Amino acid sequence: MSYLLRVQLPDRPGSLGSLAVALGSVGADILSLDVVERGAGIAVDDLVVDVAQGSLPDTLITAAEQLNGVHVDSIRPYSGFLDAHRELELIDQVASARDDRLQVLVDGAARVLRVGWTTVVGIGPHGAFRVVGSAGAPETQAGDVPWMPLQKPTVLDGEADWVPQFWKDMNTTLAAAPLGHSGRALLLGRPGGPDFRPSEIARLGYLAGIVATVLG
């Protein structure tokens, strides 16, 4: 069983080692680590950890937060592939795809940006519509997207009137970025959080901008 932990910890030598020891004390193995953000003496890291079947995720939180200055922002089951998918690989996959490039984009973006689902949203004569969605994208769609057209990547208010109630019930954090000048946007949903950080929004913007150029 694997979990994805987003952890805040002091940005100093030895902090990550101490965290690894603490997690190891409850039978967890760190499989991968991504640095989300660093600044003001604090590091925010995403860790994928493997634990024995039946182990309670609360034990991971307790083990981590017994360390001074460590806080677990979120923990959720992780079933993604632990391969080398990153922005550049995804851009290459989109560029080399013969068809369904947008499907390649949303499926890959969900993994690369560590979110629950991704869709491409457009505006037509009858309002907002989903162009394409990743696996796990909710069947309930937004009928109105007053934040479009977008000029830059941004965090969206998950409690706004336009957000479907099902998304709110899932405590979904939302972010979006324009796909060039196409009038479409790449929309990310992260059920249960955590909140999107500025570095993640920047990554989203770079990815969407480059992919928009590839798509022409």
N, C-alpha and C. Protein backbone atom coordinates (compact mmCIF):
# COMPACT_ATOMS: atom_id res chain seq x y z
N MET A 1 0.85 -1.19 0.00
CA MET A 1 0.00 0.00 0.00
C MET A 1 0.89 1.23 0.00
N SER A 2 0.62 2.16 -0.91
CA SER A 2 1.43 3.36 -1.01
C SER A 2 0.59 4.60 -0.68
N TYR A 3 1.24 5.59 -0.06
CA TYR A 3 0.60 6.85 0.26
C TYR A 3 1.46 8.00 -0.23
N LEU A 4 0.80 9.10 -0.57
CA LEU A 4 1.49 10.33 -0.93
C LEU A 4 1.33 11.31 0.22
N LEU A 5 2.44 11.68 0.83
CA LEU A 5 2.44 12.64 1.93
C LEU A 5 3.01 13.97 1.44
N ARG A 6 2.33 15.03 1.76
CA ARG A 6 2.91 16.36 1.58
C ARG A 6 3.32 16.85 2.96
N VAL A 7 4.60 17.11 3.12
CA VAL A 7 5.17 17.38 4.44
C VAL A 7 5.91 18.72 4.44
N GLN A 8 5.67 19.53 5.47
CA GLN A 8 6.49 20.71 5.72
C GLN A 8 7.53 20.35 6.77
N LEU A 9 8.77 20.71 6.52
CA LEU A 9 9.84 20.42 7.47
C LEU A 9 10.90 21.51 7.41
N PRO A 10 11.70 21.66 8.46
CA PRO A 10 12.76 22.67 8.44
C PRO A 10 13.74 22.41 7.31
N ASP A 11 14.09 23.46 6.59
CA ASP A 11 15.01 23.34 5.46
C ASP A 11 16.44 23.45 5.97
N ARG A 12 16.89 22.36 6.58
CA ARG A 12 18.26 22.34 7.09
C ARG A 12 18.80 20.92 6.97
N PRO A 13 20.13 20.77 6.94
CA PRO A 13 20.72 19.44 6.80
C PRO A 13 20.25 18.49 7.90
N GLY A 14 19.91 17.28 7.50
CA GLY A 14 19.52 16.26 8.46
C GLY A 14 18.03 16.12 8.66
N SER A 15 17.24 17.13 8.24
CA SER A 15 15.80 17.07 8.48
C SER A 15 15.16 15.90 7.73
N LEU A 16 15.53 15.75 6.46
CA LEU A 16 14.93 14.68 5.68
C LEU A 16 15.38 13.31 6.20
N GLY A 17 16.63 13.20 6.62
CA GLY A 17 17.11 11.94 7.18
C GLY A 17 16.37 11.57 8.44
N SER A 18 16.13 12.56 9.30
CA SER A 18 15.38 12.30 10.53
C SER A 18 13.96 11.86 10.21
N LEU A 19 13.37 12.47 9.18
CA LEU A 19 12.02 12.09 8.78
C LEU A 19 11.99 10.65 8.25
N ALA A 20 13.01 10.30 7.46
CA ALA A 20 13.08 8.94 6.93
C ALA A 20 13.19 7.92 8.06
N VAL A 21 13.98 8.23 9.07
CA VAL A 21 14.13 7.33 10.21
C VAL A 21 12.81 7.21 10.96
N ALA A 22 12.12 8.34 11.16
CA ALA A 22 10.85 8.32 11.87
C ALA A 22 9.80 7.49 11.14
N LEU A 23 9.73 7.67 9.82
CA LEU A 23 8.78 6.89 9.03
C LEU A 23 9.17 5.42 9.01
N GLY A 24 10.47 5.15 8.95
CA GLY A 24 10.94 3.77 8.97
C GLY A 24 10.61 3.06 10.25
N SER A 25 10.50 3.82 11.35
CA SER A 25 10.21 3.21 12.65
C SER A 25 8.80 2.63 12.70
N VAL A 26 7.92 3.07 11.78
CA VAL A 26 6.56 2.50 11.72
C VAL A 26 6.37 1.65 10.46
N GLY A 27 7.50 1.23 9.88
CA GLY A 27 7.45 0.29 8.76
C GLY A 27 7.23 0.90 7.40
N ALA A 28 7.49 2.19 7.25
CA ALA A 28 7.29 2.85 5.96
C ALA A 28 8.61 3.00 5.21
N ASP A 29 8.59 2.75 3.92
CA ASP A 29 9.75 2.95 3.05
C ASP A 29 9.46 4.10 2.09
N ILE A 30 10.38 5.06 2.00
CA ILE A 30 10.22 6.17 1.06
C ILE A 30 10.61 5.69 -0.33
N LEU A 31 9.64 5.77 -1.27
CA LEU A 31 9.88 5.32 -2.64
C LEU A 31 10.30 6.44 -3.56
N SER A 32 9.82 7.65 -3.30
CA SER A 32 10.20 8.79 -4.15
C SER A 32 10.01 10.08 -3.36
N LEU A 33 10.70 11.12 -3.82
CA LEU A 33 10.65 12.43 -3.17
C LEU A 33 10.67 13.51 -4.24
N ASP A 34 9.73 14.44 -4.13
CA ASP A 34 9.71 15.62 -4.99
C ASP A 34 9.70 16.86 -4.12
N VAL A 35 10.59 17.79 -4.41
CA VAL A 35 10.59 19.07 -3.72
C VAL A 35 9.52 19.96 -4.35
N VAL A 36 8.54 20.38 -3.55
CA VAL A 36 7.47 21.23 -4.04
C VAL A 36 7.85 22.70 -3.92
N GLU A 37 8.43 23.07 -2.78
CA GLU A 37 8.73 24.48 -2.52
C GLU A 37 9.76 24.59 -1.42
N ARG A 38 10.58 25.62 -1.51
CA ARG A 38 11.54 25.93 -0.44
C ARG A 38 11.60 27.43 -0.26
N GLY A 39 11.72 27.85 1.01
CA GLY A 39 11.82 29.28 1.28
C GLY A 39 11.55 29.58 2.73
N ALA A 40 12.16 30.64 3.23
CA ALA A 40 11.96 31.10 4.61
C ALA A 40 12.27 30.01 5.62
N GLY A 41 13.26 29.17 5.29
CA GLY A 41 13.69 28.14 6.22
C GLY A 41 12.80 26.92 6.27
N ILE A 42 11.81 26.85 5.36
CA ILE A 42 10.87 25.73 5.35
C ILE A 42 10.92 25.05 3.98
N ALA A 43 10.90 23.72 3.98
CA ALA A 43 10.80 22.94 2.76
C ALA A 43 9.45 22.23 2.74
N VAL A 44 8.85 22.16 1.57
CA VAL A 44 7.61 21.40 1.37
C VAL A 44 7.93 20.31 0.37
N ASP A 45 7.80 19.06 0.80
CA ASP A 45 8.16 17.92 -0.03
C ASP A 45 6.97 16.98 -0.18
N ASP A 46 6.88 16.35 -1.35
CA ASP A 46 5.95 15.26 -1.58
C ASP A 46 6.71 13.95 -1.50
N LEU A 47 6.27 13.06 -0.61
CA LEU A 47 6.91 11.76 -0.45
C LEU A 47 5.92 10.66 -0.76
N VAL A 48 6.31 9.71 -1.59
CA VAL A 48 5.54 8.49 -1.77
C VAL A 48 6.18 7.42 -0.88
N VAL A 49 5.38 6.87 0.02
CA VAL A 49 5.90 5.87 0.95
C VAL A 49 5.10 4.58 0.80
N ASP A 50 5.76 3.49 1.02
CA ASP A 50 5.16 2.17 0.95
C ASP A 50 5.05 1.62 2.36
N VAL A 51 3.87 1.10 2.70
CA VAL A 51 3.64 0.51 4.02
C VAL A 51 2.99 -0.85 3.85
N ALA A 52 3.02 -1.64 4.91
CA ALA A 52 2.40 -2.96 4.87
C ALA A 52 0.88 -2.82 4.73
N GLN A 53 0.29 -3.78 4.03
CA GLN A 53 -1.15 -3.79 3.87
C GLN A 53 -1.83 -3.79 5.24
N GLY A 54 -2.81 -2.92 5.41
CA GLY A 54 -3.54 -2.85 6.67
C GLY A 54 -3.00 -1.82 7.64
N SER A 55 -1.83 -1.26 7.33
CA SER A 55 -1.27 -0.22 8.21
C SER A 55 -2.12 1.04 8.13
N LEU A 56 -2.30 1.70 9.25
CA LEU A 56 -3.13 2.89 9.30
C LEU A 56 -2.33 4.13 8.92
N PRO A 57 -2.87 4.97 8.03
CA PRO A 57 -2.14 6.19 7.64
C PRO A 57 -1.88 7.12 8.82
N ASP A 58 -2.73 7.05 9.84
CA ASP A 58 -2.52 7.92 11.01
C ASP A 58 -1.17 7.67 11.67
N THR A 59 -0.66 6.43 11.57
CA THR A 59 0.64 6.14 12.18
C THR A 59 1.75 6.91 11.48
N LEU A 60 1.60 7.15 10.17
CA LEU A 60 2.60 7.92 9.43
C LEU A 60 2.59 9.37 9.90
N ILE A 61 1.39 9.92 10.08
CA ILE A 61 1.28 11.31 10.53
C ILE A 61 1.89 11.46 11.92
N THR A 62 1.55 10.53 12.81
CA THR A 62 2.07 10.59 14.18
C THR A 62 3.58 10.51 14.20
N ALA A 63 4.14 9.58 13.40
CA ALA A 63 5.59 9.39 13.37
C ALA A 63 6.29 10.63 12.85
N ALA A 64 5.72 11.24 11.80
CA ALA A 64 6.36 12.42 11.20
C ALA A 64 6.29 13.62 12.13
N GLU A 65 5.11 13.84 12.72
CA GLU A 65 4.90 15.06 13.48
C GLU A 65 5.47 15.00 14.90
N GLN A 66 6.06 13.85 15.25
CA GLN A 66 6.78 13.83 16.53
C GLN A 66 8.11 14.58 16.43
N LEU A 67 8.54 14.85 15.22
CA LEU A 67 9.77 15.60 14.99
C LEU A 67 9.49 17.09 15.10
N ASN A 68 10.38 17.82 15.69
CA ASN A 68 10.22 19.25 15.87
C ASN A 68 10.19 19.97 14.53
N GLY A 69 9.14 20.75 14.31
CA GLY A 69 9.04 21.56 13.10
C GLY A 69 8.47 20.84 11.90
N VAL A 70 8.03 19.58 12.05
CA VAL A 70 7.48 18.82 10.93
C VAL A 70 5.96 18.82 11.01
N HIS A 71 5.32 19.09 9.87
CA HIS A 71 3.86 19.09 9.80
C HIS A 71 3.43 18.38 8.52
N VAL A 72 2.48 17.46 8.63
CA VAL A 72 1.94 16.76 7.46
C VAL A 72 0.76 17.56 6.93
N ASP A 73 0.90 18.13 5.74
CA ASP A 73 -0.18 18.91 5.13
C ASP A 73 -1.33 18.01 4.70
N SER A 74 -0.99 16.86 4.10
CA SER A 74 -2.02 15.95 3.61
C SER A 74 -1.43 14.56 3.43
N ILE A 75 -2.33 13.57 3.40
CA ILE A 75 -1.94 12.20 3.11
C ILE A 75 -3.08 11.55 2.35
N ARG A 76 -2.76 10.87 1.28
CA ARG A 76 -3.79 10.20 0.51
C ARG A 76 -3.20 8.99 -0.19
N PRO A 77 -4.03 7.98 -0.48
CA PRO A 77 -3.52 6.79 -1.18
C PRO A 77 -2.91 7.19 -2.51
N TYR A 78 -1.86 6.48 -2.89
CA TYR A 78 -1.17 6.79 -4.13
C TYR A 78 -1.10 5.54 -4.99
N SER A 79 -1.65 5.65 -6.20
CA SER A 79 -1.64 4.50 -7.10
C SER A 79 -0.99 4.84 -8.43
N GLY A 80 -0.25 5.96 -8.48
CA GLY A 80 0.41 6.36 -9.71
C GLY A 80 1.63 5.52 -10.00
N PHE A 81 2.18 5.74 -11.19
CA PHE A 81 3.36 5.02 -11.60
C PHE A 81 4.61 5.75 -11.11
N LEU A 82 5.52 5.02 -10.51
CA LEU A 82 6.77 5.63 -10.03
C LEU A 82 7.82 5.59 -11.13
N ASP A 83 7.50 6.22 -12.26
CA ASP A 83 8.45 6.24 -13.35
C ASP A 83 8.95 7.67 -13.55
N ALA A 84 9.56 7.93 -14.67
CA ALA A 84 10.26 9.19 -14.86
C ALA A 84 9.38 10.29 -15.47
N HIS A 85 8.07 10.17 -15.35
CA HIS A 85 7.20 11.20 -15.91
C HIS A 85 7.48 12.55 -15.26
N ARG A 86 7.82 13.50 -16.07
CA ARG A 86 7.99 14.86 -15.63
C ARG A 86 7.53 15.75 -16.78
N GLU A 87 7.59 17.04 -16.59
CA GLU A 87 7.06 17.94 -17.59
C GLU A 87 7.65 17.71 -18.98
N LEU A 88 8.97 17.58 -19.07
CA LEU A 88 9.59 17.44 -20.38
C LEU A 88 9.18 16.16 -21.08
N GLU A 89 9.08 15.06 -20.32
CA GLU A 89 8.64 13.81 -20.91
C GLU A 89 7.21 13.93 -21.42
N LEU A 90 6.37 14.62 -20.64
CA LEU A 90 4.98 14.78 -21.05
C LEU A 90 4.88 15.63 -22.32
N ILE A 91 5.64 16.71 -22.37
CA ILE A 91 5.63 17.55 -23.57
C ILE A 91 6.04 16.73 -24.80
N ASP A 92 7.06 15.89 -24.63
CA ASP A 92 7.51 15.04 -25.73
C ASP A 92 6.42 14.06 -26.15
N GLN A 93 5.71 13.50 -25.17
CA GLN A 93 4.63 12.57 -25.48
C GLN A 93 3.50 13.25 -26.24
N VAL A 94 3.16 14.46 -25.83
CA VAL A 94 2.11 15.21 -26.53
C VAL A 94 2.55 15.52 -27.95
N ALA A 95 3.80 15.94 -28.11
CA ALA A 95 4.31 16.31 -29.44
C ALA A 95 4.35 15.12 -30.38
N SER A 96 4.66 13.93 -29.85
CA SER A 96 4.82 12.76 -30.72
C SER A 96 3.53 11.97 -30.91
N ALA A 97 2.47 12.33 -30.19
CA ALA A 97 1.21 11.61 -30.33
C ALA A 97 0.60 11.90 -31.71
N ARG A 98 0.08 10.86 -32.34
CA ARG A 98 -0.50 11.03 -33.68
C ARG A 98 -1.92 11.59 -33.60
N ASP A 99 -2.62 11.24 -32.56
CA ASP A 99 -3.96 11.79 -32.36
C ASP A 99 -4.24 11.82 -30.86
N ASP A 100 -5.38 12.36 -30.50
CA ASP A 100 -5.78 12.45 -29.10
C ASP A 100 -4.69 13.13 -28.25
N ARG A 101 -4.10 14.17 -28.78
CA ARG A 101 -3.04 14.86 -28.03
C ARG A 101 -3.56 15.43 -26.71
N LEU A 102 -4.78 15.94 -26.73
CA LEU A 102 -5.32 16.50 -25.49
C LEU A 102 -5.55 15.41 -24.45
N GLN A 103 -5.91 14.20 -24.88
CA GLN A 103 -6.07 13.10 -23.93
C GLN A 103 -4.72 12.72 -23.32
N VAL A 104 -3.69 12.71 -24.14
CA VAL A 104 -2.34 12.46 -23.63
C VAL A 104 -1.96 13.53 -22.60
N LEU A 105 -2.33 14.77 -22.90
CA LEU A 105 -2.01 15.87 -21.99
C LEU A 105 -2.69 15.70 -20.63
N VAL A 106 -4.01 15.49 -20.63
CA VAL A 106 -4.71 15.44 -19.34
C VAL A 106 -4.31 14.21 -18.53
N ASP A 107 -4.10 13.08 -19.21
CA ASP A 107 -3.69 11.89 -18.47
C ASP A 107 -2.31 12.09 -17.85
N GLY A 108 -1.40 12.68 -18.62
CA GLY A 108 -0.05 12.89 -18.12
C GLY A 108 0.03 13.98 -17.07
N ALA A 109 -0.75 15.05 -17.26
CA ALA A 109 -0.71 16.16 -16.31
C ALA A 109 -1.19 15.74 -14.93
N ALA A 110 -2.16 14.84 -14.88
CA ALA A 110 -2.65 14.36 -13.59
C ALA A 110 -1.53 13.67 -12.81
N ARG A 111 -0.66 12.95 -13.51
CA ARG A 111 0.45 12.26 -12.85
C ARG A 111 1.57 13.24 -12.51
N VAL A 112 1.95 14.05 -13.48
CA VAL A 112 3.08 14.96 -13.30
C VAL A 112 2.82 15.98 -12.19
N LEU A 113 1.60 16.51 -12.15
CA LEU A 113 1.28 17.56 -11.19
C LEU A 113 0.63 17.02 -9.93
N ARG A 114 0.53 15.70 -9.83
CA ARG A 114 0.03 15.04 -8.62
C ARG A 114 -1.33 15.57 -8.19
N VAL A 115 -2.30 15.43 -9.10
CA VAL A 115 -3.67 15.83 -8.79
C VAL A 115 -4.59 14.65 -9.04
N GLY A 116 -5.85 14.77 -8.58
CA GLY A 116 -6.79 13.68 -8.74
C GLY A 116 -7.32 13.56 -10.15
N TRP A 117 -7.52 14.70 -10.80
CA TRP A 117 -8.04 14.68 -12.17
C TRP A 117 -7.69 15.98 -12.89
N THR A 118 -7.77 15.89 -14.23
CA THR A 118 -7.45 17.02 -15.10
C THR A 118 -8.43 17.03 -16.26
N THR A 119 -8.90 18.20 -16.63
CA THR A 119 -9.74 18.33 -17.82
C THR A 119 -9.30 19.53 -18.64
N VAL A 120 -9.67 19.52 -19.89
CA VAL A 120 -9.56 20.71 -20.74
C VAL A 120 -10.97 21.24 -20.91
N VAL A 121 -11.15 22.52 -20.60
CA VAL A 121 -12.46 23.16 -20.63
C VAL A 121 -12.51 24.19 -21.75
N GLY A 122 -13.63 24.21 -22.45
CA GLY A 122 -13.83 25.20 -23.50
C GLY A 122 -15.15 25.93 -23.31
N ILE A 123 -15.35 26.99 -24.09
CA ILE A 123 -16.58 27.76 -24.06
C ILE A 123 -17.22 27.69 -25.44
N GLY A 124 -18.50 27.29 -25.48
CA GLY A 124 -19.24 27.20 -26.73
C GLY A 124 -20.49 28.04 -26.69
N PRO A 125 -21.32 27.95 -27.72
CA PRO A 125 -22.56 28.74 -27.78
C PRO A 125 -23.51 28.47 -26.61
N HIS A 126 -23.42 27.29 -26.03
CA HIS A 126 -24.31 26.92 -24.94
C HIS A 126 -23.60 26.92 -23.59
N GLY A 127 -22.47 27.58 -23.49
CA GLY A 127 -21.77 27.68 -22.23
C GLY A 127 -20.53 26.80 -22.17
N ALA A 128 -20.09 26.50 -20.96
CA ALA A 128 -18.87 25.73 -20.76
C ALA A 128 -19.10 24.26 -21.12
N PHE A 129 -18.04 23.63 -21.61
CA PHE A 129 -18.12 22.20 -21.90
C PHE A 129 -16.74 21.58 -21.70
N ARG A 130 -16.76 20.29 -21.40
CA ARG A 130 -15.50 19.55 -21.24
C ARG A 130 -15.06 19.05 -22.61
N VAL A 131 -13.86 19.42 -22.99
CA VAL A 131 -13.30 18.95 -24.25
C VAL A 131 -12.79 17.52 -24.08
N VAL A 132 -12.07 17.28 -22.99
CA VAL A 132 -11.52 15.96 -22.70
C VAL A 132 -11.18 15.91 -21.22
N GLY A 133 -11.22 14.72 -20.63
CA GLY A 133 -10.92 14.57 -19.21
C GLY A 133 -10.05 13.37 -18.95
N SER A 134 -9.28 13.42 -17.88
CA SER A 134 -8.43 12.30 -17.48
C SER A 134 -9.26 11.24 -16.79
N ALA A 135 -8.65 10.09 -16.57
CA ALA A 135 -9.28 9.07 -15.75
C ALA A 135 -9.52 9.65 -14.37
N GLY A 136 -10.69 9.41 -13.81
CA GLY A 136 -11.00 9.93 -12.49
C GLY A 136 -11.68 11.28 -12.50
N ALA A 137 -11.78 11.91 -13.68
CA ALA A 137 -12.47 13.20 -13.74
C ALA A 137 -13.95 12.98 -13.43
N PRO A 138 -14.55 13.81 -12.58
CA PRO A 138 -15.95 13.59 -12.17
C PRO A 138 -16.91 13.72 -13.35
N GLU A 139 -17.96 12.91 -13.32
CA GLU A 139 -18.98 13.01 -14.37
C GLU A 139 -19.71 14.34 -14.28
N THR A 140 -19.87 14.85 -13.06
CA THR A 140 -20.51 16.16 -12.87
C THR A 140 -19.60 17.25 -13.43
N GLN A 141 -20.12 18.05 -14.33
CA GLN A 141 -19.33 19.09 -14.95
C GLN A 141 -19.85 20.46 -14.57
N ALA A 142 -18.98 21.43 -14.68
CA ALA A 142 -19.38 22.82 -14.41
C ALA A 142 -20.12 23.37 -15.62
N GLY A 143 -21.31 23.90 -15.39
CA GLY A 143 -22.07 24.46 -16.49
C GLY A 143 -21.69 25.89 -16.80
N ASP A 144 -20.96 26.51 -15.89
CA ASP A 144 -20.56 27.90 -16.07
C ASP A 144 -19.14 28.06 -15.54
N VAL A 145 -18.32 28.79 -16.25
CA VAL A 145 -16.94 29.05 -15.81
C VAL A 145 -16.66 30.54 -15.96
N PRO A 146 -17.13 31.34 -15.02
CA PRO A 146 -16.99 32.80 -15.14
C PRO A 146 -15.55 33.29 -15.13
N TRP A 147 -14.61 32.41 -14.75
CA TRP A 147 -13.21 32.80 -14.71
C TRP A 147 -12.53 32.71 -16.08
N MET A 148 -13.26 32.20 -17.08
CA MET A 148 -12.69 32.16 -18.42
C MET A 148 -13.18 33.35 -19.23
N PRO A 149 -12.34 33.84 -20.16
CA PRO A 149 -11.02 33.33 -20.53
C PRO A 149 -9.95 33.74 -19.52
N LEU A 150 -8.96 32.87 -19.37
CA LEU A 150 -7.87 33.11 -18.43
C LEU A 150 -6.72 33.83 -19.12
N GLN A 151 -6.05 34.67 -18.36
CA GLN A 151 -4.86 35.35 -18.86
C GLN A 151 -3.58 34.74 -18.31
N LYS A 152 -3.70 34.04 -17.18
CA LYS A 152 -2.53 33.45 -16.54
C LYS A 152 -2.98 32.31 -15.64
N PRO A 153 -2.06 31.42 -15.26
CA PRO A 153 -2.41 30.32 -14.35
C PRO A 153 -2.83 30.87 -12.99
N THR A 154 -3.80 30.22 -12.39
CA THR A 154 -4.32 30.75 -11.13
C THR A 154 -4.97 29.67 -10.29
N VAL A 155 -5.03 29.92 -8.99
CA VAL A 155 -5.81 29.09 -8.08
C VAL A 155 -7.26 29.56 -8.15
N LEU A 156 -8.20 28.61 -8.18
CA LEU A 156 -9.62 28.95 -8.24
C LEU A 156 -10.27 28.70 -6.88
N ASP A 157 -11.30 29.43 -6.60
CA ASP A 157 -12.04 29.30 -5.35
C ASP A 157 -12.93 28.05 -5.42
N GLY A 158 -12.60 27.03 -4.63
CA GLY A 158 -13.34 25.79 -4.65
C GLY A 158 -14.73 25.88 -4.06
N GLU A 159 -15.07 27.02 -3.43
CA GLU A 159 -16.39 27.21 -2.84
C GLU A 159 -17.23 28.21 -3.63
N ALA A 160 -16.77 28.61 -4.78
CA ALA A 160 -17.50 29.60 -5.58
C ALA A 160 -18.83 29.01 -6.09
N ASP A 161 -19.74 29.89 -6.48
CA ASP A 161 -21.07 29.46 -6.91
C ASP A 161 -21.03 28.55 -8.13
N TRP A 162 -20.06 28.75 -9.01
CA TRP A 162 -20.03 27.95 -10.24
C TRP A 162 -19.57 26.52 -10.00
N VAL A 163 -18.94 26.23 -8.86
CA VAL A 163 -18.37 24.91 -8.59
C VAL A 163 -19.49 23.92 -8.28
N PRO A 164 -19.57 22.79 -8.99
CA PRO A 164 -20.60 21.78 -8.71
C PRO A 164 -20.55 21.31 -7.26
N GLN A 165 -21.71 21.04 -6.68
CA GLN A 165 -21.78 20.66 -5.28
C GLN A 165 -20.97 19.42 -4.99
N PHE A 166 -20.94 18.48 -5.94
CA PHE A 166 -20.16 17.24 -5.74
C PHE A 166 -18.69 17.56 -5.54
N TRP A 167 -18.17 18.53 -6.28
CA TRP A 167 -16.77 18.91 -6.11
C TRP A 167 -16.56 19.51 -4.73
N LYS A 168 -17.53 20.31 -4.29
CA LYS A 168 -17.41 20.91 -2.96
C LYS A 168 -17.46 19.83 -1.87
N ASP A 169 -18.35 18.85 -2.06
CA ASP A 169 -18.47 17.77 -1.07
C ASP A 169 -17.17 17.00 -0.94
N MET A 170 -16.40 16.93 -2.01
CA MET A 170 -15.12 16.22 -2.02
C MET A 170 -13.97 17.13 -1.56
N ASN A 171 -14.31 18.37 -1.16
CA ASN A 171 -13.30 19.33 -0.71
C ASN A 171 -12.19 19.47 -1.75
N THR A 172 -12.61 19.72 -3.00
CA THR A 172 -11.68 19.75 -4.12
C THR A 172 -11.01 21.11 -4.26
N THR A 173 -9.69 21.13 -4.22
CA THR A 173 -8.96 22.35 -4.54
C THR A 173 -8.76 22.41 -6.05
N LEU A 174 -8.81 23.62 -6.60
CA LEU A 174 -8.85 23.79 -8.05
C LEU A 174 -7.80 24.79 -8.52
N ALA A 175 -7.28 24.55 -9.70
CA ALA A 175 -6.36 25.48 -10.35
C ALA A 175 -6.54 25.33 -11.86
N ALA A 176 -6.18 26.37 -12.59
CA ALA A 176 -6.34 26.33 -14.05
C ALA A 176 -5.30 27.22 -14.71
N ALA A 177 -5.07 26.92 -15.99
CA ALA A 177 -4.13 27.72 -16.79
C ALA A 177 -4.64 27.77 -18.22
N PRO A 178 -4.43 28.90 -18.91
CA PRO A 178 -4.86 29.00 -20.30
C PRO A 178 -3.99 28.15 -21.22
N LEU A 179 -4.61 27.56 -22.22
CA LEU A 179 -3.86 26.82 -23.24
C LEU A 179 -3.62 27.77 -24.41
N GLY A 180 -2.66 28.64 -24.23
CA GLY A 180 -2.34 29.62 -25.25
C GLY A 180 -3.50 30.55 -25.49
N HIS A 181 -3.77 30.83 -26.79
CA HIS A 181 -4.86 31.72 -27.16
C HIS A 181 -6.02 30.94 -27.77
N SER A 182 -6.13 29.67 -27.39
CA SER A 182 -7.16 28.81 -27.95
C SER A 182 -8.54 29.06 -27.36
N GLY A 183 -8.59 29.81 -26.25
CA GLY A 183 -9.86 29.99 -25.55
C GLY A 183 -10.19 28.84 -24.63
N ARG A 184 -9.30 27.88 -24.54
CA ARG A 184 -9.48 26.73 -23.67
C ARG A 184 -8.55 26.83 -22.46
N ALA A 185 -8.86 26.03 -21.44
CA ALA A 185 -8.05 26.05 -20.23
C ALA A 185 -7.83 24.64 -19.72
N LEU A 186 -6.68 24.44 -19.10
CA LEU A 186 -6.36 23.18 -18.43
C LEU A 186 -6.77 23.34 -16.98
N LEU A 187 -7.74 22.54 -16.53
CA LEU A 187 -8.31 22.63 -15.19
C LEU A 187 -7.86 21.44 -14.36
N LEU A 188 -7.33 21.70 -13.16
CA LEU A 188 -6.86 20.66 -12.26
C LEU A 188 -7.77 20.57 -11.05
N GLY A 189 -8.05 19.34 -10.61
CA GLY A 189 -8.83 19.12 -9.40
C GLY A 189 -8.08 18.19 -8.46
N ARG A 190 -8.02 18.57 -7.20
CA ARG A 190 -7.32 17.77 -6.19
C ARG A 190 -8.30 17.50 -5.04
N PRO A 191 -9.11 16.44 -5.15
CA PRO A 191 -10.08 16.13 -4.08
C PRO A 191 -9.38 15.91 -2.74
N GLY A 192 -9.88 16.58 -1.71
CA GLY A 192 -9.29 16.43 -0.39
C GLY A 192 -8.06 17.27 -0.15
N GLY A 193 -7.65 18.08 -1.13
CA GLY A 193 -6.47 18.93 -0.99
C GLY A 193 -5.18 18.13 -1.21
N PRO A 194 -4.04 18.75 -0.88
CA PRO A 194 -3.88 20.05 -0.22
C PRO A 194 -4.03 21.22 -1.19
N ASP A 195 -3.92 22.44 -0.65
CA ASP A 195 -3.98 23.63 -1.48
C ASP A 195 -2.82 23.66 -2.46
N PHE A 196 -3.05 24.30 -3.60
CA PHE A 196 -1.98 24.50 -4.56
C PHE A 196 -1.03 25.59 -4.07
N ARG A 197 0.24 25.34 -4.18
CA ARG A 197 1.25 26.30 -3.77
C ARG A 197 1.72 27.11 -4.99
N PRO A 198 2.28 28.31 -4.75
CA PRO A 198 2.71 29.14 -5.87
C PRO A 198 3.65 28.43 -6.84
N SER A 199 4.54 27.59 -6.32
CA SER A 199 5.47 26.88 -7.22
C SER A 199 4.72 25.91 -8.12
N GLU A 200 3.64 25.32 -7.62
CA GLU A 200 2.84 24.40 -8.44
C GLU A 200 2.09 25.16 -9.53
N ILE A 201 1.59 26.34 -9.19
CA ILE A 201 0.90 27.16 -10.19
C ILE A 201 1.88 27.60 -11.28
N ALA A 202 3.10 27.92 -10.87
CA ALA A 202 4.11 28.29 -11.86
C ALA A 202 4.41 27.12 -12.80
N ARG A 203 4.56 25.91 -12.23
CA ARG A 203 4.79 24.72 -13.06
C ARG A 203 3.64 24.48 -14.03
N LEU A 204 2.41 24.65 -13.52
CA LEU A 204 1.24 24.48 -14.37
C LEU A 204 1.27 25.46 -15.53
N GLY A 205 1.62 26.71 -15.24
CA GLY A 205 1.66 27.72 -16.29
C GLY A 205 2.70 27.42 -17.36
N TYR A 206 3.89 27.02 -16.93
CA TYR A 206 4.94 26.67 -17.89
C TYR A 206 4.50 25.50 -18.77
N LEU A 207 3.93 24.47 -18.13
CA LEU A 207 3.51 23.28 -18.87
C LEU A 207 2.43 23.64 -19.88
N ALA A 208 1.41 24.36 -19.44
CA ALA A 208 0.31 24.70 -20.34
C ALA A 208 0.78 25.58 -21.48
N GLY A 209 1.67 26.52 -21.20
CA GLY A 209 2.17 27.41 -22.23
C GLY A 209 2.96 26.68 -23.30
N ILE A 210 3.85 25.78 -22.88
CA ILE A 210 4.66 25.04 -23.84
C ILE A 210 3.81 24.08 -24.65
N VAL A 211 2.88 23.39 -23.98
CA VAL A 211 2.01 22.44 -24.68
C VAL A 211 1.15 23.18 -25.69
N ALA A 212 0.67 24.38 -25.34
CA ALA A 212 -0.14 25.15 -26.27
C ALA A 212 0.63 25.45 -27.55
N THR A 213 1.92 25.73 -27.40
CA THR A 213 2.77 25.97 -28.58
C THR A 213 2.92 24.71 -29.40
N VAL A 214 3.09 23.58 -28.75
CA VAL A 214 3.22 22.29 -29.44
C VAL A 214 1.93 21.96 -30.21
N LEU A 215 0.79 22.23 -29.56
CA LEU A 215 -0.49 21.93 -30.20
C LEU A 215 -0.80 22.85 -31.36
N GLY A 216 -0.12 24.00 -31.36
CA GLY A 216 -0.33 24.94 -32.46
C GLY A 216 -1.62 25.72 -32.28
